[in-house]
Every structure is written in structure tokens, then in C-alpha cells.
Amino acid sequence: MEKQKLTYQDLIEGNRDWVKTELGKDSEYFTKLAQGQSPDVFWIGCSDSRVSADKVVGANPGEIFVHRNIANVCVHTDMNMLSVLDYAVNVLKVKHVIVSGHYGCGGVTAAMSNNQFGIIDNWLRHIKDVYRLHSTELDGIANEAKRLDRLIELNVIEQVYNLCKTTIVQNAWRERTDLEIHGWVIDLKTGLVKDMGVTTNNSGNIGKIFALDETVK
């Protein structure tokens, strides 16, 4: 049976039902929620509608600060991402930054092809660059589905490294030791997270050329 599409009125009614449910569990829920946020986690994920940060880890509103874009890309020219990163790291003082990709990612799938899709081709170039960096490994994977899965994993790993190269993160590491950057891939078929094993809390693994000195004063 085909799933019934949500209407605009469904969204309004869904909001009313959610409020009623939360108030039924805690009459002060929204009063407390409105007092502010102090999340320990900043999540950079894909815009895919199937991947919701709080749902994946069973978190509550106010516990995860979120930024999302096509294929969870983190590049030094994206002022939107950098602004959110700066706020998360330097104002909210989050302790964990998670780059979260997912298997079956449409953005990475599109980047693997030679098709033109429109203006998004400029964004997908960043993922094609990841392929170029790892082309020897990827070209050696004959199975296309497995090659796609590996590119999704490598894309997450490279985005973690990109975050570590920013002055935002490197300067924060000079001031505190409790900030960690992580890379995950979510398996939508199981719901489980795969930790890519690239967790880092210093600039020691990004290459000498990217490890920046302190700002000249």
C-alpha cells in the first residue's frame, strides 16, 4: 500500500498533537525548553529526510545542535557551515562535533556519476575531489554498490579532516582539551551507526601544512 502523503493541515494537527503529548508528560516542558540551550553535541549531517539527528541517537530537543546540507560536506568556503561551527564551538562550547553520513546517500551517488544535475554540480565537485584523492582504492572496487559505500565512508573521513583544518577548531584546541571531532556513517537498513575511527582532539593528524600557528597579535 502506498504511503499517504502529508498535507499542510496534517503538519498543523501534528504539531498540536505533539504539544499535547509533551504537556501530558511534563506540564513545564515548554517553559523549560524556552529557557535556552546548552548542547554538548554539534551534528553536521545530510539533508536527507530519513536521517534525523535526535532520532538516530535517542536524544531530546536541546541536546544536539544541528547543521545539515547535501552529503554532509564541510568546506572552508562555506560561510554558513563555518558560522554555525563557530557558534557551536565558541559560544555553546560543545564537546563533540559529529560528521554523520549515511549509506545510500543521493548526493554521493550523484557525484559518482558523469551526469549533469544543475547548480548542485558545483557542490558535488567537493565529493568528486574526495574520489580523486582516493581513486586508486575506489577504482579497485569492482562492485559498484560497495564502491559507493566506500566513497560515502571516505567522504565522512575527509570532512572530519576538513573541520580539523579550520582555525575555529584549531584555536579551540589551544584553549581546551575536551573538544573531539568524530565521523559516523548510518546504515539506514539497520539504523545502526558505524564509527569511522577518526576521532581526534588535536591537529596532529592533518599534515604539517595545515597545522596553523597562533594568530599574530
N, C-alpha and C. Protein backbone atom coordinates (compact mmCIF):
# COMPACT_ATOMS: atom_id res chain seq x y z
N MET A 1 0.84 -1.19 0.00
CA MET A 1 0.00 0.00 0.00
C MET A 1 0.88 1.26 0.00
N GLU A 2 0.57 2.19 -0.88
CA GLU A 2 1.35 3.42 -0.97
C GLU A 2 1.11 4.29 0.26
N LYS A 3 2.19 4.81 0.80
CA LYS A 3 2.10 5.66 1.99
C LYS A 3 1.39 6.96 1.65
N GLN A 4 0.45 7.34 2.51
CA GLN A 4 -0.30 8.57 2.29
C GLN A 4 0.60 9.78 2.51
N LYS A 5 0.55 10.75 1.61
CA LYS A 5 1.38 11.94 1.69
C LYS A 5 0.86 12.89 2.77
N LEU A 6 1.79 13.53 3.46
CA LEU A 6 1.41 14.52 4.46
C LEU A 6 0.85 15.76 3.78
N THR A 7 -0.24 16.28 4.30
CA THR A 7 -0.78 17.55 3.84
C THR A 7 -0.33 18.65 4.79
N TYR A 8 -0.55 19.89 4.37
CA TYR A 8 -0.20 21.02 5.24
C TYR A 8 -1.00 20.96 6.53
N GLN A 9 -2.27 20.60 6.43
CA GLN A 9 -3.11 20.51 7.62
C GLN A 9 -2.63 19.40 8.55
N ASP A 10 -2.10 18.32 7.97
CA ASP A 10 -1.53 17.24 8.78
C ASP A 10 -0.40 17.77 9.66
N LEU A 11 0.40 18.67 9.09
CA LEU A 11 1.52 19.24 9.85
C LEU A 11 1.02 20.07 11.02
N ILE A 12 0.00 20.89 10.78
CA ILE A 12 -0.56 21.72 11.85
C ILE A 12 -1.14 20.84 12.95
N GLU A 13 -1.90 19.84 12.55
CA GLU A 13 -2.52 18.95 13.54
C GLU A 13 -1.46 18.12 14.26
N GLY A 14 -0.41 17.75 13.54
CA GLY A 14 0.67 17.01 14.16
C GLY A 14 1.36 17.83 15.23
N ASN A 15 1.52 19.12 14.97
CA ASN A 15 2.11 20.00 15.98
C ASN A 15 1.25 20.07 17.23
N ARG A 16 -0.05 20.21 17.04
CA ARG A 16 -0.96 20.28 18.20
C ARG A 16 -0.91 18.98 19.01
N ASP A 17 -0.86 17.85 18.30
CA ASP A 17 -0.79 16.55 18.98
C ASP A 17 0.51 16.40 19.76
N TRP A 18 1.61 16.88 19.17
CA TRP A 18 2.92 16.79 19.83
C TRP A 18 2.93 17.63 21.12
N VAL A 19 2.42 18.85 21.01
CA VAL A 19 2.37 19.72 22.19
C VAL A 19 1.54 19.07 23.30
N LYS A 20 0.39 18.53 22.92
CA LYS A 20 -0.49 17.89 23.89
C LYS A 20 0.21 16.70 24.56
N THR A 21 0.91 15.92 23.76
CA THR A 21 1.61 14.74 24.30
C THR A 21 2.70 15.15 25.27
N GLU A 22 3.51 16.14 24.90
CA GLU A 22 4.61 16.57 25.77
C GLU A 22 4.10 17.21 27.05
N LEU A 23 3.04 17.98 26.95
CA LEU A 23 2.47 18.59 28.16
C LEU A 23 1.86 17.54 29.07
N GLY A 24 1.36 16.47 28.45
CA GLY A 24 0.80 15.38 29.25
C GLY A 24 1.86 14.68 30.07
N LYS A 25 3.10 14.66 29.56
CA LYS A 25 4.20 14.04 30.29
C LYS A 25 4.85 14.99 31.27
N ASP A 26 4.87 16.29 30.93
CA ASP A 26 5.51 17.29 31.77
C ASP A 26 4.86 18.64 31.49
N SER A 27 4.10 19.14 32.44
CA SER A 27 3.35 20.39 32.24
C SER A 27 4.28 21.60 32.08
N GLU A 28 5.55 21.47 32.48
CA GLU A 28 6.51 22.56 32.37
C GLU A 28 7.48 22.37 31.21
N TYR A 29 7.19 21.40 30.34
CA TYR A 29 8.13 21.03 29.29
C TYR A 29 8.55 22.23 28.43
N PHE A 30 7.61 22.97 27.91
CA PHE A 30 7.93 24.06 27.00
C PHE A 30 8.46 25.28 27.75
N THR A 31 8.04 25.46 28.98
CA THR A 31 8.59 26.54 29.80
C THR A 31 10.09 26.33 29.99
N LYS A 32 10.48 25.09 30.28
CA LYS A 32 11.90 24.78 30.46
C LYS A 32 12.65 24.82 29.14
N LEU A 33 12.01 24.36 28.06
CA LEU A 33 12.66 24.33 26.76
C LEU A 33 12.98 25.75 26.28
N ALA A 34 12.11 26.70 26.62
CA ALA A 34 12.28 28.08 26.16
C ALA A 34 13.36 28.84 26.92
N GLN A 35 13.88 28.26 27.98
CA GLN A 35 14.88 28.95 28.80
C GLN A 35 16.25 28.99 28.14
N GLY A 36 16.49 28.19 27.13
CA GLY A 36 17.77 28.23 26.43
C GLY A 36 18.29 26.84 26.12
N GLN A 37 19.46 26.81 25.44
CA GLN A 37 20.06 25.53 25.06
C GLN A 37 21.50 25.46 25.55
N SER A 38 21.93 24.26 25.88
CA SER A 38 23.33 24.04 26.26
C SER A 38 23.75 22.64 25.81
N PRO A 39 23.68 22.39 24.49
CA PRO A 39 24.02 21.06 23.98
C PRO A 39 25.51 20.77 24.07
N ASP A 40 25.85 19.52 24.24
CA ASP A 40 27.24 19.08 24.23
C ASP A 40 27.66 18.56 22.86
N VAL A 41 26.69 18.44 21.95
CA VAL A 41 26.96 17.82 20.65
C VAL A 41 26.55 18.75 19.50
N PHE A 42 27.43 18.86 18.52
CA PHE A 42 27.13 19.56 17.27
C PHE A 42 27.17 18.52 16.15
N TRP A 43 26.07 18.37 15.45
CA TRP A 43 25.88 17.35 14.42
C TRP A 43 25.87 17.99 13.05
N ILE A 44 26.78 17.58 12.17
CA ILE A 44 26.78 18.01 10.78
C ILE A 44 26.36 16.81 9.95
N GLY A 45 25.15 16.86 9.43
CA GLY A 45 24.60 15.71 8.74
C GLY A 45 24.09 16.03 7.35
N CYS A 46 23.58 15.02 6.70
CA CYS A 46 22.99 15.16 5.37
C CYS A 46 21.57 15.68 5.48
N SER A 47 21.12 16.38 4.46
CA SER A 47 19.76 16.92 4.44
C SER A 47 18.70 15.87 4.18
N ASP A 48 19.11 14.65 3.88
CA ASP A 48 18.18 13.56 3.60
C ASP A 48 17.10 13.46 4.68
N SER A 49 15.85 13.37 4.26
CA SER A 49 14.71 13.38 5.19
C SER A 49 14.65 12.14 6.08
N ARG A 50 15.41 11.11 5.73
CA ARG A 50 15.38 9.87 6.53
C ARG A 50 16.33 9.89 7.70
N VAL A 51 17.17 10.91 7.79
CA VAL A 51 18.22 10.96 8.80
C VAL A 51 17.99 12.13 9.74
N SER A 52 17.50 11.86 10.92
CA SER A 52 17.24 12.89 11.92
C SER A 52 18.16 12.68 13.11
N ALA A 53 18.94 13.69 13.45
CA ALA A 53 19.98 13.54 14.48
C ALA A 53 19.43 13.04 15.81
N ASP A 54 18.36 13.67 16.29
CA ASP A 54 17.85 13.28 17.60
C ASP A 54 17.26 11.87 17.58
N LYS A 55 16.61 11.50 16.48
CA LYS A 55 16.03 10.16 16.38
C LYS A 55 17.10 9.08 16.38
N VAL A 56 18.18 9.32 15.64
CA VAL A 56 19.23 8.32 15.48
C VAL A 56 19.85 7.93 16.81
N VAL A 57 20.06 8.92 17.69
CA VAL A 57 20.74 8.64 18.96
C VAL A 57 19.80 8.70 20.16
N GLY A 58 18.51 8.86 19.91
CA GLY A 58 17.54 8.88 21.01
C GLY A 58 17.67 10.09 21.90
N ALA A 59 18.03 11.24 21.32
CA ALA A 59 18.21 12.47 22.09
C ALA A 59 16.92 13.28 22.15
N ASN A 60 16.90 14.23 23.06
CA ASN A 60 15.76 15.12 23.24
C ASN A 60 16.05 16.49 22.65
N PRO A 61 15.01 17.28 22.36
CA PRO A 61 15.24 18.66 21.90
C PRO A 61 16.12 19.41 22.90
N GLY A 62 17.10 20.15 22.37
CA GLY A 62 18.01 20.90 23.23
C GLY A 62 19.32 20.19 23.50
N GLU A 63 19.43 18.93 23.08
CA GLU A 63 20.65 18.17 23.37
C GLU A 63 21.62 18.10 22.19
N ILE A 64 21.16 18.38 20.97
CA ILE A 64 22.03 18.33 19.80
C ILE A 64 21.82 19.58 18.94
N PHE A 65 22.90 20.29 18.67
CA PHE A 65 22.90 21.44 17.77
C PHE A 65 23.16 20.89 16.37
N VAL A 66 22.41 21.33 15.37
CA VAL A 66 22.42 20.64 14.07
C VAL A 66 22.66 21.59 12.90
N HIS A 67 23.49 21.13 11.97
CA HIS A 67 23.64 21.76 10.65
C HIS A 67 23.56 20.65 9.61
N ARG A 68 22.81 20.88 8.54
CA ARG A 68 22.66 19.85 7.52
C ARG A 68 22.82 20.44 6.13
N ASN A 69 23.40 19.66 5.24
CA ASN A 69 23.48 20.04 3.83
C ASN A 69 23.56 18.77 2.98
N ILE A 70 23.57 18.94 1.67
CA ILE A 70 23.64 17.78 0.79
C ILE A 70 24.96 17.04 0.99
N ALA A 71 24.88 15.80 1.46
CA ALA A 71 26.03 14.90 1.60
C ALA A 71 27.01 15.32 2.69
N ASN A 72 26.51 16.05 3.71
CA ASN A 72 27.30 16.39 4.90
C ASN A 72 28.71 16.87 4.58
N VAL A 73 28.78 17.84 3.68
CA VAL A 73 30.06 18.37 3.22
C VAL A 73 30.51 19.53 4.11
N CYS A 74 31.80 19.57 4.44
CA CYS A 74 32.38 20.64 5.25
C CYS A 74 33.57 21.23 4.49
N VAL A 75 33.39 22.41 3.92
CA VAL A 75 34.46 23.03 3.14
C VAL A 75 34.72 24.44 3.63
N HIS A 76 35.95 24.90 3.44
CA HIS A 76 36.38 26.17 4.04
C HIS A 76 35.79 27.39 3.35
N THR A 77 35.08 27.20 2.25
CA THR A 77 34.43 28.33 1.57
C THR A 77 32.95 28.46 1.94
N ASP A 78 32.44 27.56 2.74
CA ASP A 78 31.02 27.57 3.11
C ASP A 78 30.84 28.40 4.39
N MET A 79 30.50 29.68 4.22
CA MET A 79 30.37 30.56 5.37
C MET A 79 29.20 30.18 6.27
N ASN A 80 28.19 29.55 5.70
CA ASN A 80 27.06 29.08 6.50
C ASN A 80 27.54 28.04 7.51
N MET A 81 28.22 26.99 7.01
CA MET A 81 28.71 25.95 7.89
C MET A 81 29.71 26.50 8.90
N LEU A 82 30.63 27.35 8.44
CA LEU A 82 31.64 27.91 9.33
C LEU A 82 31.03 28.77 10.43
N SER A 83 29.99 29.50 10.10
CA SER A 83 29.32 30.33 11.10
C SER A 83 28.65 29.48 12.17
N VAL A 84 28.01 28.40 11.75
CA VAL A 84 27.36 27.51 12.70
C VAL A 84 28.41 26.79 13.54
N LEU A 85 29.51 26.36 12.90
CA LEU A 85 30.61 25.72 13.62
C LEU A 85 31.19 26.65 14.67
N ASP A 86 31.41 27.90 14.30
CA ASP A 86 31.97 28.87 15.23
C ASP A 86 31.05 29.07 16.44
N TYR A 87 29.77 29.17 16.18
CA TYR A 87 28.81 29.35 17.28
C TYR A 87 28.79 28.11 18.18
N ALA A 88 28.81 26.94 17.56
CA ALA A 88 28.77 25.71 18.34
C ALA A 88 30.00 25.55 19.21
N VAL A 89 31.17 25.83 18.65
CA VAL A 89 32.43 25.60 19.35
C VAL A 89 32.73 26.71 20.35
N ASN A 90 32.52 27.96 19.96
CA ASN A 90 32.98 29.08 20.78
C ASN A 90 31.92 29.72 21.66
N VAL A 91 30.66 29.51 21.34
CA VAL A 91 29.59 30.07 22.18
C VAL A 91 28.92 28.97 23.00
N LEU A 92 28.47 27.93 22.32
CA LEU A 92 27.84 26.83 23.04
C LEU A 92 28.85 25.93 23.75
N LYS A 93 30.11 25.97 23.30
CA LYS A 93 31.18 25.16 23.89
C LYS A 93 30.86 23.66 23.85
N VAL A 94 30.40 23.21 22.69
CA VAL A 94 30.11 21.77 22.55
C VAL A 94 31.38 20.96 22.75
N LYS A 95 31.21 19.74 23.18
CA LYS A 95 32.36 18.86 23.41
C LYS A 95 32.56 17.86 22.28
N HIS A 96 31.52 17.63 21.48
CA HIS A 96 31.62 16.66 20.40
C HIS A 96 31.04 17.25 19.11
N VAL A 97 31.82 17.19 18.04
CA VAL A 97 31.34 17.54 16.71
C VAL A 97 31.31 16.25 15.90
N ILE A 98 30.14 15.91 15.38
CA ILE A 98 29.97 14.66 14.65
C ILE A 98 29.61 14.95 13.19
N VAL A 99 30.45 14.47 12.27
CA VAL A 99 30.08 14.48 10.85
C VAL A 99 29.41 13.15 10.57
N SER A 100 28.14 13.20 10.18
CA SER A 100 27.37 11.96 10.01
C SER A 100 26.87 11.82 8.58
N GLY A 101 27.41 10.83 7.88
CA GLY A 101 26.89 10.47 6.57
C GLY A 101 25.98 9.27 6.69
N HIS A 102 25.50 8.79 5.57
CA HIS A 102 24.64 7.59 5.60
C HIS A 102 24.76 6.84 4.29
N TYR A 103 24.69 5.52 4.39
CA TYR A 103 24.72 4.69 3.19
C TYR A 103 23.47 4.99 2.34
N GLY A 104 23.64 4.91 1.05
CA GLY A 104 22.54 5.22 0.15
C GLY A 104 22.37 6.72 -0.08
N CYS A 105 23.39 7.51 0.23
CA CYS A 105 23.31 8.97 0.10
C CYS A 105 23.14 9.37 -1.37
N GLY A 106 22.08 10.11 -1.66
CA GLY A 106 21.81 10.53 -3.03
C GLY A 106 22.86 11.49 -3.56
N GLY A 107 23.38 12.36 -2.69
CA GLY A 107 24.40 13.31 -3.13
C GLY A 107 25.67 12.62 -3.56
N VAL A 108 26.12 11.64 -2.77
CA VAL A 108 27.34 10.91 -3.13
C VAL A 108 27.11 10.06 -4.37
N THR A 109 25.91 9.48 -4.48
CA THR A 109 25.57 8.70 -5.67
C THR A 109 25.65 9.56 -6.92
N ALA A 110 25.11 10.78 -6.83
CA ALA A 110 25.14 11.69 -7.97
C ALA A 110 26.57 12.09 -8.31
N ALA A 111 27.39 12.29 -7.28
CA ALA A 111 28.79 12.68 -7.51
C ALA A 111 29.58 11.59 -8.21
N MET A 112 29.19 10.34 -8.00
CA MET A 112 29.89 9.22 -8.64
C MET A 112 29.58 9.10 -10.13
N SER A 113 28.53 9.77 -10.57
CA SER A 113 28.13 9.65 -11.98
C SER A 113 28.78 10.76 -12.80
N ASN A 114 28.59 10.69 -14.10
CA ASN A 114 29.07 11.74 -15.00
C ASN A 114 27.93 12.61 -15.52
N ASN A 115 26.78 12.48 -14.89
CA ASN A 115 25.61 13.24 -15.32
C ASN A 115 25.67 14.68 -14.80
N GLN A 116 25.01 15.56 -15.52
CA GLN A 116 24.81 16.93 -15.05
C GLN A 116 23.46 17.01 -14.36
N PHE A 117 23.41 17.70 -13.21
CA PHE A 117 22.17 17.82 -12.46
C PHE A 117 21.72 19.27 -12.27
N GLY A 118 22.55 20.23 -12.67
CA GLY A 118 22.21 21.63 -12.48
C GLY A 118 23.21 22.30 -11.55
N ILE A 119 22.74 23.29 -10.83
CA ILE A 119 23.63 24.08 -9.97
C ILE A 119 24.29 23.22 -8.89
N ILE A 120 23.65 22.13 -8.50
CA ILE A 120 24.23 21.26 -7.47
C ILE A 120 25.54 20.62 -7.93
N ASP A 121 25.80 20.63 -9.25
CA ASP A 121 27.06 20.06 -9.75
C ASP A 121 28.26 20.75 -9.10
N ASN A 122 28.13 22.04 -8.80
CA ASN A 122 29.22 22.78 -8.17
C ASN A 122 29.48 22.28 -6.75
N TRP A 123 28.43 21.88 -6.06
CA TRP A 123 28.56 21.34 -4.71
C TRP A 123 29.12 19.92 -4.75
N LEU A 124 28.64 19.15 -5.72
CA LEU A 124 29.10 17.76 -5.84
C LEU A 124 30.58 17.66 -6.20
N ARG A 125 31.15 18.74 -6.74
CA ARG A 125 32.58 18.74 -7.05
C ARG A 125 33.42 18.42 -5.83
N HIS A 126 32.97 18.85 -4.64
CA HIS A 126 33.72 18.57 -3.42
C HIS A 126 33.81 17.06 -3.17
N ILE A 127 32.73 16.35 -3.49
CA ILE A 127 32.73 14.90 -3.30
C ILE A 127 33.55 14.22 -4.40
N LYS A 128 33.49 14.76 -5.60
CA LYS A 128 34.33 14.24 -6.67
C LYS A 128 35.81 14.39 -6.31
N ASP A 129 36.15 15.46 -5.61
CA ASP A 129 37.53 15.65 -5.16
C ASP A 129 37.93 14.57 -4.16
N VAL A 130 36.98 14.15 -3.32
CA VAL A 130 37.26 13.05 -2.40
C VAL A 130 37.55 11.78 -3.19
N TYR A 131 36.78 11.55 -4.26
CA TYR A 131 37.02 10.39 -5.11
C TYR A 131 38.43 10.48 -5.72
N ARG A 132 38.79 11.66 -6.20
CA ARG A 132 40.11 11.83 -6.81
C ARG A 132 41.23 11.50 -5.82
N LEU A 133 41.08 11.92 -4.59
CA LEU A 133 42.09 11.66 -3.56
C LEU A 133 42.26 10.17 -3.30
N HIS A 134 41.17 9.43 -3.45
CA HIS A 134 41.18 8.00 -3.12
C HIS A 134 40.87 7.14 -4.35
N SER A 135 41.19 7.64 -5.52
CA SER A 135 40.80 6.96 -6.75
C SER A 135 41.42 5.57 -6.89
N THR A 136 42.65 5.40 -6.43
CA THR A 136 43.29 4.09 -6.55
C THR A 136 42.50 3.03 -5.80
N GLU A 137 42.13 3.35 -4.56
CA GLU A 137 41.34 2.40 -3.77
C GLU A 137 39.96 2.19 -4.38
N LEU A 138 39.29 3.28 -4.72
CA LEU A 138 37.92 3.19 -5.21
C LEU A 138 37.83 2.50 -6.57
N ASP A 139 38.75 2.82 -7.46
CA ASP A 139 38.73 2.18 -8.78
C ASP A 139 39.03 0.69 -8.69
N GLY A 140 39.64 0.26 -7.59
CA GLY A 140 39.92 -1.14 -7.40
C GLY A 140 38.76 -1.94 -6.86
N ILE A 141 37.64 -1.27 -6.56
CA ILE A 141 36.44 -1.95 -6.06
C ILE A 141 35.50 -2.18 -7.24
N ALA A 142 35.40 -3.41 -7.68
CA ALA A 142 34.63 -3.72 -8.89
C ALA A 142 33.13 -3.56 -8.69
N ASN A 143 32.64 -3.94 -7.51
CA ASN A 143 31.21 -3.87 -7.23
C ASN A 143 30.81 -2.41 -7.02
N GLU A 144 29.88 -1.93 -7.85
CA GLU A 144 29.51 -0.52 -7.81
C GLU A 144 28.88 -0.11 -6.48
N ALA A 145 28.04 -0.98 -5.92
CA ALA A 145 27.38 -0.67 -4.65
C ALA A 145 28.40 -0.56 -3.52
N LYS A 146 29.38 -1.46 -3.51
CA LYS A 146 30.42 -1.42 -2.49
C LYS A 146 31.33 -0.20 -2.68
N ARG A 147 31.56 0.17 -3.94
CA ARG A 147 32.36 1.35 -4.22
C ARG A 147 31.65 2.60 -3.70
N LEU A 148 30.34 2.65 -3.90
CA LEU A 148 29.55 3.77 -3.39
C LEU A 148 29.62 3.84 -1.87
N ASP A 149 29.45 2.70 -1.21
CA ASP A 149 29.52 2.66 0.26
C ASP A 149 30.87 3.18 0.75
N ARG A 150 31.92 2.77 0.05
CA ARG A 150 33.26 3.20 0.49
C ARG A 150 33.46 4.69 0.26
N LEU A 151 32.94 5.22 -0.84
CA LEU A 151 33.05 6.67 -1.08
C LEU A 151 32.29 7.44 -0.01
N ILE A 152 31.14 6.92 0.40
CA ILE A 152 30.37 7.56 1.47
C ILE A 152 31.20 7.61 2.75
N GLU A 153 31.90 6.52 3.05
CA GLU A 153 32.75 6.48 4.24
C GLU A 153 33.92 7.45 4.11
N LEU A 154 34.57 7.44 2.96
CA LEU A 154 35.72 8.32 2.74
C LEU A 154 35.32 9.78 2.75
N ASN A 155 34.12 10.06 2.26
CA ASN A 155 33.63 11.43 2.29
C ASN A 155 33.49 11.93 3.73
N VAL A 156 32.96 11.10 4.60
CA VAL A 156 32.86 11.46 6.02
C VAL A 156 34.24 11.71 6.61
N ILE A 157 35.16 10.81 6.33
CA ILE A 157 36.52 10.94 6.87
C ILE A 157 37.17 12.25 6.42
N GLU A 158 37.04 12.57 5.14
CA GLU A 158 37.65 13.80 4.63
C GLU A 158 37.00 15.05 5.22
N GLN A 159 35.69 14.99 5.47
CA GLN A 159 35.02 16.14 6.07
C GLN A 159 35.47 16.34 7.52
N VAL A 160 35.74 15.25 8.22
CA VAL A 160 36.31 15.36 9.57
C VAL A 160 37.65 16.08 9.49
N TYR A 161 38.51 15.67 8.55
CA TYR A 161 39.80 16.32 8.39
C TYR A 161 39.64 17.79 8.02
N ASN A 162 38.65 18.09 7.19
CA ASN A 162 38.41 19.49 6.82
C ASN A 162 38.06 20.34 8.02
N LEU A 163 37.26 19.80 8.93
CA LEU A 163 36.92 20.53 10.15
C LEU A 163 38.16 20.78 11.00
N CYS A 164 39.02 19.76 11.08
CA CYS A 164 40.24 19.88 11.88
C CYS A 164 41.18 20.94 11.32
N LYS A 165 41.07 21.23 10.03
CA LYS A 165 41.94 22.21 9.38
C LYS A 165 41.47 23.65 9.62
N THR A 166 40.28 23.85 10.13
CA THR A 166 39.76 25.21 10.30
C THR A 166 40.43 25.90 11.48
N THR A 167 40.56 27.22 11.39
CA THR A 167 41.10 27.99 12.51
C THR A 167 40.15 27.92 13.71
N ILE A 168 38.87 27.75 13.44
CA ILE A 168 37.89 27.66 14.52
C ILE A 168 38.23 26.51 15.45
N VAL A 169 38.44 25.34 14.88
CA VAL A 169 38.71 24.15 15.68
C VAL A 169 40.12 24.19 16.25
N GLN A 170 41.10 24.57 15.44
CA GLN A 170 42.48 24.58 15.93
C GLN A 170 42.67 25.57 17.07
N ASN A 171 42.05 26.74 16.99
CA ASN A 171 42.17 27.71 18.08
C ASN A 171 41.45 27.23 19.34
N ALA A 172 40.34 26.53 19.15
CA ALA A 172 39.63 25.98 20.31
C ALA A 172 40.48 24.94 21.02
N TRP A 173 41.22 24.14 20.26
CA TRP A 173 42.09 23.12 20.86
C TRP A 173 43.22 23.75 21.67
N ARG A 174 43.60 24.97 21.36
CA ARG A 174 44.64 25.64 22.14
C ARG A 174 44.12 26.05 23.52
N GLU A 175 42.81 26.18 23.63
CA GLU A 175 42.21 26.67 24.87
C GLU A 175 41.61 25.56 25.72
N ARG A 176 41.23 24.44 25.10
CA ARG A 176 40.61 23.38 25.87
C ARG A 176 40.86 22.02 25.22
N THR A 177 40.77 21.00 26.03
CA THR A 177 41.10 19.64 25.56
C THR A 177 39.87 18.74 25.47
N ASP A 178 38.71 19.31 25.70
CA ASP A 178 37.50 18.47 25.73
C ASP A 178 36.71 18.50 24.44
N LEU A 179 37.29 19.05 23.36
CA LEU A 179 36.60 19.10 22.07
C LEU A 179 37.09 17.97 21.18
N GLU A 180 36.18 17.12 20.74
CA GLU A 180 36.52 16.00 19.87
C GLU A 180 35.70 16.05 18.59
N ILE A 181 36.34 15.66 17.49
CA ILE A 181 35.67 15.58 16.19
C ILE A 181 35.53 14.10 15.82
N HIS A 182 34.34 13.69 15.40
CA HIS A 182 34.06 12.29 15.10
C HIS A 182 33.48 12.14 13.69
N GLY A 183 33.61 10.95 13.13
CA GLY A 183 33.00 10.64 11.84
C GLY A 183 32.16 9.38 11.92
N TRP A 184 30.89 9.48 11.49
CA TRP A 184 29.96 8.35 11.53
C TRP A 184 29.35 8.12 10.15
N VAL A 185 28.93 6.87 9.94
CA VAL A 185 28.06 6.56 8.81
C VAL A 185 26.88 5.74 9.34
N ILE A 186 25.68 6.16 8.98
CA ILE A 186 24.47 5.48 9.44
C ILE A 186 24.01 4.49 8.38
N ASP A 187 23.70 3.28 8.82
CA ASP A 187 23.14 2.27 7.93
C ASP A 187 21.61 2.34 8.04
N LEU A 188 20.97 2.87 7.03
CA LEU A 188 19.51 3.03 7.07
C LEU A 188 18.78 1.70 7.12
N LYS A 189 19.42 0.63 6.69
CA LYS A 189 18.78 -0.69 6.69
C LYS A 189 18.69 -1.28 8.09
N THR A 190 19.57 -0.82 8.99
CA THR A 190 19.58 -1.33 10.37
C THR A 190 19.37 -0.24 11.41
N GLY A 191 19.61 1.00 11.02
CA GLY A 191 19.53 2.10 11.96
C GLY A 191 20.80 2.30 12.77
N LEU A 192 21.76 1.41 12.61
CA LEU A 192 22.97 1.45 13.42
C LEU A 192 24.03 2.39 12.84
N VAL A 193 24.82 2.96 13.76
CA VAL A 193 25.90 3.87 13.40
C VAL A 193 27.20 3.10 13.27
N LYS A 194 27.98 3.42 12.25
CA LYS A 194 29.33 2.89 12.11
C LYS A 194 30.31 4.01 12.40
N ASP A 195 31.10 3.86 13.47
CA ASP A 195 32.13 4.84 13.81
C ASP A 195 33.31 4.62 12.88
N MET A 196 33.73 5.67 12.16
CA MET A 196 34.79 5.52 11.18
C MET A 196 36.19 5.52 11.80
N GLY A 197 36.27 5.64 13.11
CA GLY A 197 37.56 5.52 13.78
C GLY A 197 38.52 6.66 13.52
N VAL A 198 37.99 7.86 13.30
CA VAL A 198 38.86 9.02 13.03
C VAL A 198 38.69 10.10 14.09
N THR A 199 38.20 9.72 15.25
CA THR A 199 38.02 10.68 16.34
C THR A 199 39.36 11.35 16.67
N THR A 200 39.35 12.67 16.78
CA THR A 200 40.57 13.40 17.08
C THR A 200 40.28 14.61 17.96
N ASN A 201 41.27 14.98 18.77
CA ASN A 201 41.15 16.16 19.63
C ASN A 201 42.38 17.05 19.55
N ASN A 202 43.10 16.94 18.42
CA ASN A 202 44.27 17.80 18.20
C ASN A 202 44.57 17.83 16.70
N SER A 203 45.50 18.69 16.31
CA SER A 203 45.81 18.87 14.89
C SER A 203 46.96 18.00 14.42
N GLY A 204 47.31 16.99 15.18
CA GLY A 204 48.47 16.17 14.87
C GLY A 204 48.32 15.28 13.65
N ASN A 205 47.09 15.05 13.18
CA ASN A 205 46.90 14.09 12.09
C ASN A 205 46.48 14.73 10.76
N ILE A 206 46.60 16.05 10.65
CA ILE A 206 46.09 16.70 9.43
C ILE A 206 47.20 17.12 8.48
N GLY A 207 48.44 16.91 8.86
CA GLY A 207 49.54 17.31 8.00
C GLY A 207 50.10 18.65 8.42
N LYS A 208 51.42 18.75 8.38
CA LYS A 208 52.11 19.95 8.88
C LYS A 208 51.64 21.23 8.20
N ILE A 209 51.35 21.16 6.93
CA ILE A 209 50.98 22.37 6.19
C ILE A 209 49.67 22.97 6.68
N PHE A 210 48.81 22.13 7.30
CA PHE A 210 47.51 22.60 7.76
C PHE A 210 47.49 22.99 9.24
N ALA A 211 48.55 22.63 9.97
CA ALA A 211 48.61 22.96 11.40
C ALA A 211 49.07 24.40 11.53
N LEU A 212 48.16 25.27 11.94
CA LEU A 212 48.41 26.70 11.91
C LEU A 212 48.97 27.22 13.22
N ASP A 213 49.85 28.24 13.10
CA ASP A 213 50.34 28.91 14.29
C ASP A 213 49.27 29.81 14.86
N GLU A 214 49.50 30.28 16.06
CA GLU A 214 48.56 31.21 16.66
C GLU A 214 48.50 32.51 15.87
N THR A 215 47.37 33.19 15.97
CA THR A 215 47.20 34.45 15.27
C THR A 215 48.23 35.47 15.75
N VAL A 216 48.85 36.17 14.81
CA VAL A 216 49.80 37.21 15.17
C VAL A 216 49.07 38.38 15.79
N LYS A 217 49.54 38.82 16.96
CA LYS A 217 48.86 39.92 17.69
C LYS A 217 49.70 41.18 17.64
